[in-house]
Amino acid sequence: MTSDGARDPYAALREVGYRRYLIGNFLTNIGRQAVSIAATWQIYQWTHSATALGLVGLVNVIPLLLFVLPAGALADRVDRRTIIVRGMAATSLLSLALAAVSHYEAAIPRLALLDAANAGLRSIALVFEQQVDPSALTFDKPALPLVYLLLLLHAVVRVIASPARGSIVPLLVPTRSLSNAVTWSSSTFELSTVVGPALGGLIVAASGYSLVYALDVVCALSLAWALRGVSLRSAPAAAAPSGQNTGTLAGARFIWRRQPLLAAMTLDMFAVIFGGAVILLPIYADQILHVGPAGLGWLRAAPALGAITMAFVVAHSAPWRRPGLVMLWSVVGFGAAMIVFGLSSSLWLSLLALFLSGACDNVSVVVRHSVVQLLTPDFLRGRVTSVNQLFIGSSNEISALRAGLIAALLGPVLAATLGGLGSIAVAAAVALVWPGLKTLPPLHQLDSEGAEKP
């Protein structure tokens, strides 16, 4: 079993460099998740506005659209460790600024620029929340625009470092263990989305927002420390880049020529755009389930618990014979779980539905990441990873914007249930447009050999 990396459940973990990266990345993701839960709860408590939550998604998607493709080209030209280390240092400084703004929030003066920014945010909210008493929307804290600004800068730094973080894994493990590394990376990411939101919610409830942001300072630096002294493997030999495989858009052209990549990424992107409801959890915690910030942390953690459970099942199971077909059914299951969550008014049923949504989503993530990494030669991995992150990252943030605005117009229940139905429809559409996805061979049989052929 250990001679076959695809069947050894711990193949990737036997590599020292990968273990160091995995631990550092895990701690960094804990900090990011804790910041996310603190910032969304902070903004919602300050404004009482679903639109304000949707705007968090907009703040995160703008840097993604502007910078992720150049960041992918950067990751293919500059040492990926250097990009990651500098990105984590910048992130820690921004989290320190968030901690200061939150701690000294009452002392921030009412400057004309900040008042004008708050007035603009309120005007946007009133466009969508016409059924809400305008006096219930409180865009009056001078610190609010500063928090949005710092979250925007956070997103810029995260986007610039993200392709390097996503494309360094193939240089830390042998090719035969790459699919296994994707599984463990996915499971530790999901574990961070259990620990991070739960920890963030508990800290907010006990000590306020500043301590969460201070925690992220330490967490962000952990990945930079973990990569010290880690040696990277030489990339497998590949054909010299041709004219069509150079430039910032080379990753997009490569994906367009590789139908399994395009199908898997399109499926995941639109399933998340329609089905994602994470941004609605503060509303559910406050207005529907009445569980407060600590309960919000557990609602955020429930999908990750499901994903971790599924990740261990995947790691210890034989490779899927038809991973593309499994991915399609997992998206259908994700959509069904989100419908149940949207209609639920019971905490335990809501947690179960979110748990199942995370289990289904993990299957989709493992298949997509494995296909991206295994079918892409290393000289293109940064740019292909950046396009993948543009697909998925923008889908998360567009989903947040979509869910927040639909919740403002129609209410959170319809926003969640219609999204689940949309995910199921996406799976059906992709199966019709790209029938070849259903016959994709086992993941451990994929490689980038001949990847430049159209």
Protein backbone atom coordinates (compact mmCIF):
# COMPACT_ATOMS: atom_id res chain seq x y z
CA MET A 1 0.00 0.00 0.00
CA THR A 2 2.77 2.47 0.86
CA SER A 3 4.42 1.88 -2.47
CA ASP A 4 1.41 3.51 -4.14
CA GLY A 5 1.04 7.13 -3.07
CA ALA A 6 -2.59 7.15 -4.18
CA ARG A 7 -3.47 4.39 -1.68
CA ASP A 8 -1.23 5.33 1.24
CA PRO A 9 -3.41 7.57 3.44
CA TYR A 10 -0.34 9.25 4.97
CA ALA A 11 1.95 9.44 1.91
CA ALA A 12 2.20 13.24 1.82
CA LEU A 13 2.59 13.54 5.59
CA ARG A 14 5.82 11.54 5.41
CA GLU A 15 7.48 14.54 3.71
CA VAL A 16 9.06 16.90 6.28
CA GLY A 17 8.73 20.03 4.16
CA TYR A 18 5.08 19.37 3.48
CA ARG A 19 4.37 18.76 7.19
CA ARG A 20 5.95 22.10 8.10
CA TYR A 21 3.95 23.88 5.41
CA LEU A 22 0.77 22.12 6.45
CA ILE A 23 1.11 23.17 10.11
CA GLY A 24 1.96 26.78 9.25
CA ASN A 25 -0.83 27.01 6.70
CA PHE A 26 -3.26 25.51 9.22
CA LEU A 27 -2.43 28.13 11.85
CA THR A 28 -2.60 30.93 9.29
CA ASN A 29 -6.03 29.78 8.16
CA ILE A 30 -7.22 29.66 11.77
CA GLY A 31 -6.35 33.33 12.08
CA ARG A 32 -8.06 34.21 8.83
CA GLN A 33 -11.24 32.36 9.79
CA ALA A 34 -11.30 33.98 13.23
CA VAL A 35 -10.92 37.41 11.63
CA SER A 36 -13.75 36.64 9.22
CA ILE A 37 -16.17 35.69 12.01
CA ALA A 38 -15.17 38.70 14.14
CA ALA A 39 -15.39 41.21 11.27
CA THR A 40 -18.79 40.04 9.99
CA TRP A 41 -20.28 39.96 13.48
CA GLN A 42 -18.75 43.35 14.28
CA ILE A 43 -20.15 44.92 11.11
CA TYR A 44 -23.58 43.37 11.62
CA GLN A 45 -23.78 44.48 15.24
CA TRP A 46 -22.74 48.00 14.28
CA THR A 47 -25.16 48.31 11.33
CA HIS A 48 -27.96 45.69 11.72
CA SER A 49 -27.85 45.47 7.93
CA ALA A 50 -27.84 42.44 5.63
CA THR A 51 -26.53 44.68 2.86
CA ALA A 52 -23.53 45.59 5.01
CA LEU A 53 -22.70 41.88 5.20
CA GLY A 54 -23.05 41.55 1.44
CA LEU A 55 -20.62 44.45 1.00
CA VAL A 56 -17.98 42.43 2.86
CA GLY A 57 -18.14 40.03 -0.08
CA LEU A 58 -17.72 42.93 -2.51
CA VAL A 59 -14.71 44.24 -0.58
CA ASN A 60 -13.09 40.80 -0.91
CA VAL A 61 -13.93 40.19 -4.56
CA ILE A 62 -12.61 43.47 -6.00
CA PRO A 63 -8.91 42.68 -5.25
CA LEU A 64 -9.45 39.16 -6.54
CA LEU A 65 -10.70 40.41 -9.90
CA LEU A 66 -7.92 43.00 -10.19
CA PHE A 67 -4.85 41.18 -8.91
CA VAL A 68 -5.18 37.38 -8.94
CA LEU A 69 -4.04 36.84 -12.55
CA PRO A 70 -0.92 39.06 -12.21
CA ALA A 71 -0.28 37.31 -8.87
CA GLY A 72 -0.33 33.95 -10.67
CA ALA A 73 2.26 35.17 -13.17
CA LEU A 74 4.35 36.44 -10.24
CA ALA A 75 4.19 33.00 -8.58
CA ASP A 76 5.64 31.43 -11.77
CA ARG A 77 8.56 33.89 -11.89
CA VAL A 78 9.53 34.56 -8.26
CA ASP A 79 10.42 32.14 -5.46
CA ARG A 80 7.04 31.20 -4.02
CA ARG A 81 8.40 31.08 -0.49
CA THR A 82 9.46 34.74 -0.75
CA ILE A 83 5.97 35.80 -1.86
CA ILE A 84 4.35 33.85 0.98
CA VAL A 85 6.68 35.17 3.68
CA ARG A 86 6.23 38.81 2.64
CA GLY A 87 2.49 38.34 2.31
CA MET A 88 2.20 36.95 5.82
CA ALA A 89 4.24 39.84 7.22
CA ALA A 90 1.93 42.38 5.55
CA THR A 91 -1.15 40.50 6.78
CA SER A 92 0.12 40.64 10.37
CA LEU A 93 0.54 44.43 10.14
CA LEU A 94 -3.01 44.87 8.81
CA SER A 95 -4.44 42.68 11.58
CA LEU A 96 -2.55 44.78 14.10
CA ALA A 97 -4.22 47.86 12.59
CA LEU A 98 -7.65 46.18 12.85
CA ALA A 99 -6.96 45.43 16.50
CA ALA A 100 -6.07 49.08 17.13
CA VAL A 101 -9.13 50.43 15.31
CA SER A 102 -11.43 48.09 17.24
CA HIS A 103 -9.80 48.76 20.61
CA TYR A 104 -9.85 52.56 20.20
CA GLU A 105 -13.12 52.64 18.22
CA ALA A 106 -14.83 55.08 20.62
CA ALA A 107 -11.93 57.54 20.35
CA ILE A 108 -11.94 57.79 16.54
CA PRO A 109 -13.05 61.33 15.60
CA ARG A 110 -16.03 62.02 13.35
CA LEU A 111 -14.08 63.24 10.34
CA ALA A 112 -16.01 64.52 7.34
CA LEU A 113 -14.55 61.81 5.09
CA LEU A 114 -15.64 59.02 7.45
CA ASP A 115 -19.11 60.51 7.83
CA ALA A 116 -19.43 60.73 4.04
CA ALA A 117 -18.36 57.08 3.70
CA ASN A 118 -20.97 56.03 6.27
CA ALA A 119 -23.63 58.04 4.44
CA GLY A 120 -22.71 56.27 1.21
CA LEU A 121 -22.92 52.85 2.85
CA ARG A 122 -26.31 53.72 4.33
CA SER A 123 -27.61 54.87 0.94
CA ILE A 124 -26.61 51.55 -0.62
CA ALA A 125 -28.34 49.65 2.19
CA LEU A 126 -31.57 51.64 1.79
CA VAL A 127 -31.73 50.67 -1.90
CA PHE A 128 -32.03 47.00 -0.98
CA GLU A 129 -33.63 47.11 2.47
CA GLN A 130 -36.77 49.04 1.67
CA GLN A 131 -38.85 46.78 3.90
CA VAL A 132 -36.68 47.68 6.91
CA ASP A 133 -37.33 50.69 9.14
CA PRO A 134 -34.54 53.11 8.12
CA SER A 135 -33.99 54.04 11.77
CA ALA A 136 -32.96 50.43 12.44
CA LEU A 137 -29.92 50.79 10.16
CA THR A 138 -27.08 52.37 12.14
CA PHE A 139 -24.25 53.44 9.86
CA ASP A 140 -22.93 55.95 12.36
CA LYS A 141 -19.59 54.66 13.68
CA PRO A 142 -16.50 56.43 12.31
CA ALA A 143 -14.60 53.16 12.69
CA LEU A 144 -16.87 51.33 10.22
CA PRO A 145 -15.30 52.69 6.98
CA LEU A 146 -11.85 52.04 8.45
CA VAL A 147 -12.75 48.40 9.08
CA TYR A 148 -13.94 48.06 5.49
CA LEU A 149 -10.72 49.68 4.25
CA LEU A 150 -8.51 47.35 6.29
CA LEU A 151 -10.51 44.33 5.13
CA LEU A 152 -9.96 45.54 1.56
CA LEU A 153 -6.20 45.77 2.11
CA HIS A 154 -6.28 42.36 3.79
CA ALA A 155 -7.91 40.98 0.65
CA VAL A 156 -5.30 42.61 -1.61
CA VAL A 157 -2.41 41.00 0.28
CA ARG A 158 -4.19 37.66 0.49
CA VAL A 159 -4.84 37.63 -3.26
CA ILE A 160 -1.23 38.47 -4.13
CA ALA A 161 0.10 35.64 -1.95
CA SER A 162 -2.62 33.12 -2.71
CA PRO A 163 -1.37 31.63 -6.03
CA ALA A 164 2.05 31.06 -4.46
CA ARG A 165 0.45 29.30 -1.47
CA GLY A 166 -1.70 27.17 -3.73
CA SER A 167 1.04 26.17 -6.18
CA ILE A 168 3.88 25.43 -3.75
CA VAL A 169 2.46 22.07 -2.64
CA PRO A 170 3.58 20.15 -5.77
CA LEU A 171 7.15 21.23 -4.95
CA LEU A 172 6.92 19.75 -1.45
CA VAL A 173 5.79 16.18 -2.28
CA PRO A 174 6.52 13.61 -5.00
CA THR A 175 4.01 13.54 -7.85
CA ARG A 176 2.59 10.17 -6.76
CA SER A 177 1.60 11.74 -3.41
CA LEU A 178 0.11 14.95 -4.76
CA SER A 179 -3.54 13.86 -4.68
CA ASN A 180 -3.01 12.67 -1.11
CA ALA A 181 -1.45 16.06 -0.25
CA VAL A 182 -4.51 17.81 -1.69
CA THR A 183 -6.73 15.68 0.54
CA TRP A 184 -4.75 16.53 3.69
CA SER A 185 -4.50 20.21 2.75
CA SER A 186 -8.25 20.24 2.29
CA SER A 187 -8.88 18.48 5.60
CA THR A 188 -6.60 20.81 7.58
CA PHE A 189 -8.18 23.82 5.89
CA GLU A 190 -11.58 22.54 6.93
CA LEU A 191 -10.29 21.89 10.45
CA SER A 192 -9.15 25.52 10.55
CA THR A 193 -12.68 26.54 9.60
CA VAL A 194 -13.90 24.65 12.67
CA VAL A 195 -11.31 25.98 15.09
CA GLY A 196 -11.10 29.50 13.65
CA PRO A 197 -14.79 30.49 13.73
CA ALA A 198 -15.42 28.73 17.04
CA LEU A 199 -12.38 30.37 18.62
CA GLY A 200 -13.22 33.73 17.07
CA GLY A 201 -16.82 33.58 18.28
CA LEU A 202 -15.80 32.61 21.81
CA ILE A 203 -13.16 35.36 21.98
CA VAL A 204 -15.63 37.97 20.72
CA ALA A 205 -18.18 36.86 23.31
CA ALA A 206 -15.61 36.89 26.12
CA SER A 207 -13.20 39.71 25.26
CA GLY A 208 -14.32 41.62 22.18
CA TYR A 209 -12.94 42.00 18.69
CA SER A 210 -9.42 43.34 19.27
CA LEU A 211 -8.06 40.11 20.73
CA VAL A 212 -9.20 38.16 17.65
CA TYR A 213 -7.29 40.50 15.36
CA ALA A 214 -4.24 40.32 17.63
CA LEU A 215 -4.40 36.52 17.44
CA ASP A 216 -4.23 36.74 13.65
CA VAL A 217 -0.94 38.64 13.90
CA VAL A 218 0.67 35.56 15.46
CA CYS A 219 -1.14 33.12 13.16
CA ALA A 220 -0.12 34.98 10.00
CA LEU A 221 3.56 34.86 10.97
CA SER A 222 3.43 31.11 11.69
CA LEU A 223 3.47 30.17 7.99
CA ALA A 224 6.44 32.44 7.32
CA TRP A 225 8.29 30.76 10.20
CA ALA A 226 7.31 27.26 9.06
CA LEU A 227 8.80 27.77 5.58
CA ARG A 228 12.24 28.68 6.90
CA GLY A 229 14.77 26.16 5.67
CA VAL A 230 12.26 24.10 3.69
CA SER A 231 13.80 22.87 0.45
CA LEU A 232 11.65 22.61 -2.66
CA ARG A 233 11.71 19.65 -5.01
CA SER A 234 12.70 20.18 -8.61
CA ALA A 235 9.70 20.42 -10.87
CA PRO A 236 9.21 17.52 -13.29
CA ALA A 237 10.72 18.12 -16.71
CA ALA A 238 8.34 19.79 -19.12
CA ALA A 239 8.43 21.04 -22.67
CA ALA A 240 9.73 24.57 -23.11
CA PRO A 241 6.90 27.09 -22.92
CA SER A 242 5.51 27.97 -26.33
CA GLY A 243 4.16 31.39 -27.29
CA GLN A 244 0.65 30.44 -26.21
CA ASN A 245 1.95 29.34 -22.80
CA THR A 246 3.58 32.64 -21.89
CA GLY A 247 2.08 35.80 -20.45
CA THR A 248 -0.40 36.52 -17.69
CA LEU A 249 -3.33 34.87 -19.52
CA ALA A 250 -1.48 31.62 -20.28
CA GLY A 251 -3.26 29.89 -17.40
CA ALA A 252 -6.68 30.81 -18.79
CA ARG A 253 -5.74 29.57 -22.27
CA PHE A 254 -4.44 26.30 -20.82
CA ILE A 255 -7.66 25.71 -18.87
CA TRP A 256 -9.78 26.45 -21.96
CA ARG A 257 -7.92 23.69 -23.84
CA ARG A 258 -8.26 21.16 -21.00
CA GLN A 259 -11.95 20.38 -20.75
CA PRO A 260 -11.78 18.44 -17.43
CA LEU A 261 -10.24 21.51 -15.79
CA LEU A 262 -12.82 23.86 -17.26
CA ALA A 263 -15.74 21.60 -16.33
CA ALA A 264 -14.61 21.00 -12.73
CA MET A 265 -13.88 24.67 -12.08
CA THR A 266 -17.13 25.86 -13.67
CA LEU A 267 -19.14 23.37 -11.63
CA ASP A 268 -17.55 24.40 -8.36
CA MET A 269 -17.75 28.12 -9.15
CA PHE A 270 -21.44 28.32 -9.97
CA ALA A 271 -22.47 25.83 -7.29
CA VAL A 272 -20.89 28.13 -4.70
CA ILE A 273 -22.28 31.32 -6.28
CA PHE A 274 -25.81 29.99 -6.03
CA GLY A 275 -25.58 27.77 -2.94
CA GLY A 276 -23.21 29.60 -0.59
CA ALA A 277 -24.91 31.05 2.48
CA VAL A 278 -22.05 31.67 4.92
CA ILE A 279 -22.66 35.43 4.91
CA LEU A 280 -26.23 34.81 6.14
CA LEU A 281 -25.14 32.97 9.27
CA PRO A 282 -25.02 36.12 11.47
CA ILE A 283 -28.66 36.77 10.52
CA TYR A 284 -29.66 33.17 11.26
CA ALA A 285 -27.77 33.25 14.56
CA ASP A 286 -29.39 36.52 15.59
CA GLN A 287 -32.93 36.49 14.17
CA ILE A 288 -33.90 32.87 13.44
CA LEU A 289 -31.95 30.55 15.76
CA HIS A 290 -31.22 33.11 18.54
CA VAL A 291 -27.83 31.68 19.48
CA GLY A 292 -25.55 34.78 19.62
CA PRO A 293 -21.89 35.05 18.60
CA ALA A 294 -20.81 31.77 20.24
CA GLY A 295 -23.58 29.93 18.38
CA LEU A 296 -22.54 31.73 15.20
CA GLY A 297 -19.07 30.25 15.62
CA TRP A 298 -20.52 26.74 15.76
CA LEU A 299 -22.76 27.38 12.76
CA ARG A 300 -19.64 28.45 10.84
CA ALA A 301 -17.82 25.37 12.13
CA ALA A 302 -20.48 22.80 11.20
CA PRO A 303 -19.67 22.63 7.44
CA ALA A 304 -16.00 22.20 8.30
CA LEU A 305 -16.74 19.33 10.65
CA GLY A 306 -18.55 17.61 7.80
CA ALA A 307 -15.66 18.31 5.44
CA ILE A 308 -13.08 16.96 7.90
CA THR A 309 -15.10 13.78 8.36
CA MET A 310 -15.31 13.32 4.59
CA ALA A 311 -11.61 14.12 4.14
CA PHE A 312 -10.62 11.27 6.46
CA VAL A 313 -12.99 8.95 4.61
CA VAL A 314 -11.43 9.97 1.29
CA ALA A 315 -7.84 9.60 2.57
CA HIS A 316 -8.51 6.05 3.77
CA SER A 317 -10.59 4.93 0.78
CA ALA A 318 -9.62 3.48 -2.56
CA PRO A 319 -9.49 6.04 -5.38
CA TRP A 320 -12.82 6.82 -7.01
CA ARG A 321 -13.18 5.12 -10.38
CA ARG A 322 -15.18 8.09 -11.72
CA PRO A 323 -14.23 11.16 -9.65
CA GLY A 324 -16.04 13.54 -12.01
CA LEU A 325 -19.33 11.71 -11.53
CA VAL A 326 -18.77 11.70 -7.77
CA MET A 327 -18.17 15.46 -7.94
CA LEU A 328 -21.46 16.04 -9.77
CA TRP A 329 -23.45 14.11 -7.18
CA SER A 330 -21.63 15.87 -4.35
CA VAL A 331 -22.83 19.23 -5.70
CA VAL A 332 -26.40 17.90 -5.83
CA GLY A 333 -26.02 16.82 -2.20
CA PHE A 334 -24.62 20.23 -1.27
CA GLY A 335 -27.61 21.98 -2.82
CA ALA A 336 -30.08 19.70 -1.03
CA ALA A 337 -28.37 20.32 2.32
CA MET A 338 -28.55 24.08 1.81
CA ILE A 339 -32.27 23.86 1.10
CA VAL A 340 -32.77 22.04 4.41
CA PHE A 341 -30.67 24.65 6.21
CA GLY A 342 -32.59 27.51 4.66
CA LEU A 343 -35.94 26.13 5.82
CA SER A 344 -34.79 25.06 9.29
CA SER A 345 -35.64 26.94 12.46
CA SER A 346 -34.02 24.30 14.70
CA LEU A 347 -30.40 24.71 15.76
CA TRP A 348 -29.68 20.98 15.62
CA LEU A 349 -31.25 20.49 12.19
CA SER A 350 -29.39 23.55 10.93
CA LEU A 351 -26.10 22.17 12.25
CA LEU A 352 -26.79 18.78 10.63
CA ALA A 353 -27.62 20.38 7.28
CA LEU A 354 -24.46 22.49 7.39
CA PHE A 355 -22.43 19.40 8.38
CA LEU A 356 -23.72 17.53 5.33
CA SER A 357 -23.10 20.53 3.07
CA GLY A 358 -19.47 20.56 4.20
CA ALA A 359 -19.08 16.81 3.60
CA CYS A 360 -20.38 17.17 0.05
CA ASP A 361 -18.31 20.29 -0.60
CA ASN A 362 -15.11 18.52 0.48
CA VAL A 363 -15.56 15.92 -2.24
CA SER A 364 -15.87 18.66 -4.84
CA VAL A 365 -12.82 20.49 -3.46
CA VAL A 366 -10.59 17.39 -3.49
CA VAL A 367 -11.53 16.51 -7.07
CA ARG A 368 -11.12 20.06 -8.34
CA HIS A 369 -7.78 20.76 -6.64
CA SER A 370 -6.39 17.37 -7.68
CA VAL A 371 -7.39 17.88 -11.31
CA VAL A 372 -5.86 21.38 -11.33
CA GLN A 373 -2.55 20.34 -9.79
CA LEU A 374 -2.12 17.03 -11.59
CA LEU A 375 -2.97 18.18 -15.13
CA THR A 376 -0.86 21.36 -14.96
CA PRO A 377 2.92 21.53 -15.63
CA ASP A 378 4.86 23.43 -12.98
CA PHE A 379 5.83 26.37 -15.21
CA LEU A 380 2.10 27.14 -15.48
CA ARG A 381 0.94 26.17 -11.99
CA GLY A 382 0.99 29.68 -10.57
CA ARG A 383 -1.09 31.08 -13.43
CA VAL A 384 -3.49 28.13 -13.58
CA THR A 385 -3.85 28.28 -9.78
CA SER A 386 -4.61 32.00 -10.03
CA VAL A 387 -7.41 31.35 -12.54
CA ASN A 388 -8.73 28.56 -10.30
CA GLN A 389 -8.68 30.97 -7.37
CA LEU A 390 -10.38 33.62 -9.49
CA PHE A 391 -13.15 31.12 -10.23
CA ILE A 392 -13.53 29.92 -6.67
CA GLY A 393 -12.57 33.05 -4.74
CA SER A 394 -14.85 35.26 -6.78
CA SER A 395 -17.61 32.70 -6.40
CA ASN A 396 -17.33 32.86 -2.61
CA GLU A 397 -17.43 36.65 -2.56
CA ILE A 398 -20.07 37.01 -5.29
CA SER A 399 -22.10 34.43 -3.37
CA ALA A 400 -21.78 36.57 -0.25
CA LEU A 401 -22.93 39.63 -2.19
CA ARG A 402 -25.78 37.67 -3.83
CA ALA A 403 -26.97 36.14 -0.56
CA GLY A 404 -26.77 39.43 1.33
CA LEU A 405 -28.70 41.38 -1.30
CA ILE A 406 -31.36 38.69 -1.81
CA ALA A 407 -31.75 38.44 1.97
CA ALA A 408 -32.26 42.22 2.06
CA LEU A 409 -34.89 42.01 -0.70
CA LEU A 410 -36.68 38.73 0.05
CA GLY A 411 -35.44 37.58 3.45
CA PRO A 412 -32.72 35.10 4.50
CA VAL A 413 -34.87 31.96 4.15
CA LEU A 414 -35.56 32.51 0.46
CA ALA A 415 -31.95 33.58 -0.12
CA ALA A 416 -30.69 30.25 1.24
CA THR A 417 -33.29 27.90 -0.24
CA LEU A 418 -33.25 29.40 -3.73
CA GLY A 419 -29.47 29.14 -3.63
CA GLY A 420 -29.64 25.42 -2.87
CA LEU A 421 -31.98 24.89 -5.81
CA GLY A 422 -29.56 26.84 -7.98
CA SER A 423 -26.67 24.52 -7.05
CA ILE A 424 -28.67 21.47 -8.11
CA ALA A 425 -29.52 23.15 -11.41
CA VAL A 426 -25.82 23.93 -11.99
CA ALA A 427 -24.86 20.25 -11.54
CA ALA A 428 -27.45 19.23 -14.11
CA ALA A 429 -26.28 21.89 -16.59
CA VAL A 430 -22.58 20.97 -16.30
CA ALA A 431 -23.39 17.27 -16.77
CA LEU A 432 -25.13 18.17 -20.04
CA VAL A 433 -22.53 20.63 -21.37
CA TRP A 434 -19.44 18.58 -20.41
CA PRO A 435 -20.51 14.90 -20.40
CA GLY A 436 -16.82 13.90 -20.39
CA LEU A 437 -16.55 14.96 -16.75
CA LYS A 438 -18.56 11.88 -15.81
CA THR A 439 -15.89 9.58 -17.32
CA LEU A 440 -12.80 11.27 -15.82
CA PRO A 441 -10.34 8.51 -14.80
CA PRO A 442 -9.14 7.97 -11.19
CA LEU A 443 -7.20 10.94 -9.81
CA HIS A 444 -3.95 9.02 -9.25
CA GLN A 445 -3.87 8.20 -12.98
CA LEU A 446 -3.84 11.88 -13.99
CA ASP A 447 -0.61 13.72 -14.84
CA SER A 448 0.54 16.74 -16.82
CA GLU A 449 2.31 14.70 -19.52
CA GLY A 450 1.35 16.10 -22.86
CA ALA A 451 -0.48 18.96 -21.16
CA GLU A 452 0.49 21.43 -23.85
CA LYS A 453 -1.46 19.57 -26.50
CA PRO A 454 -4.74 21.27 -27.37
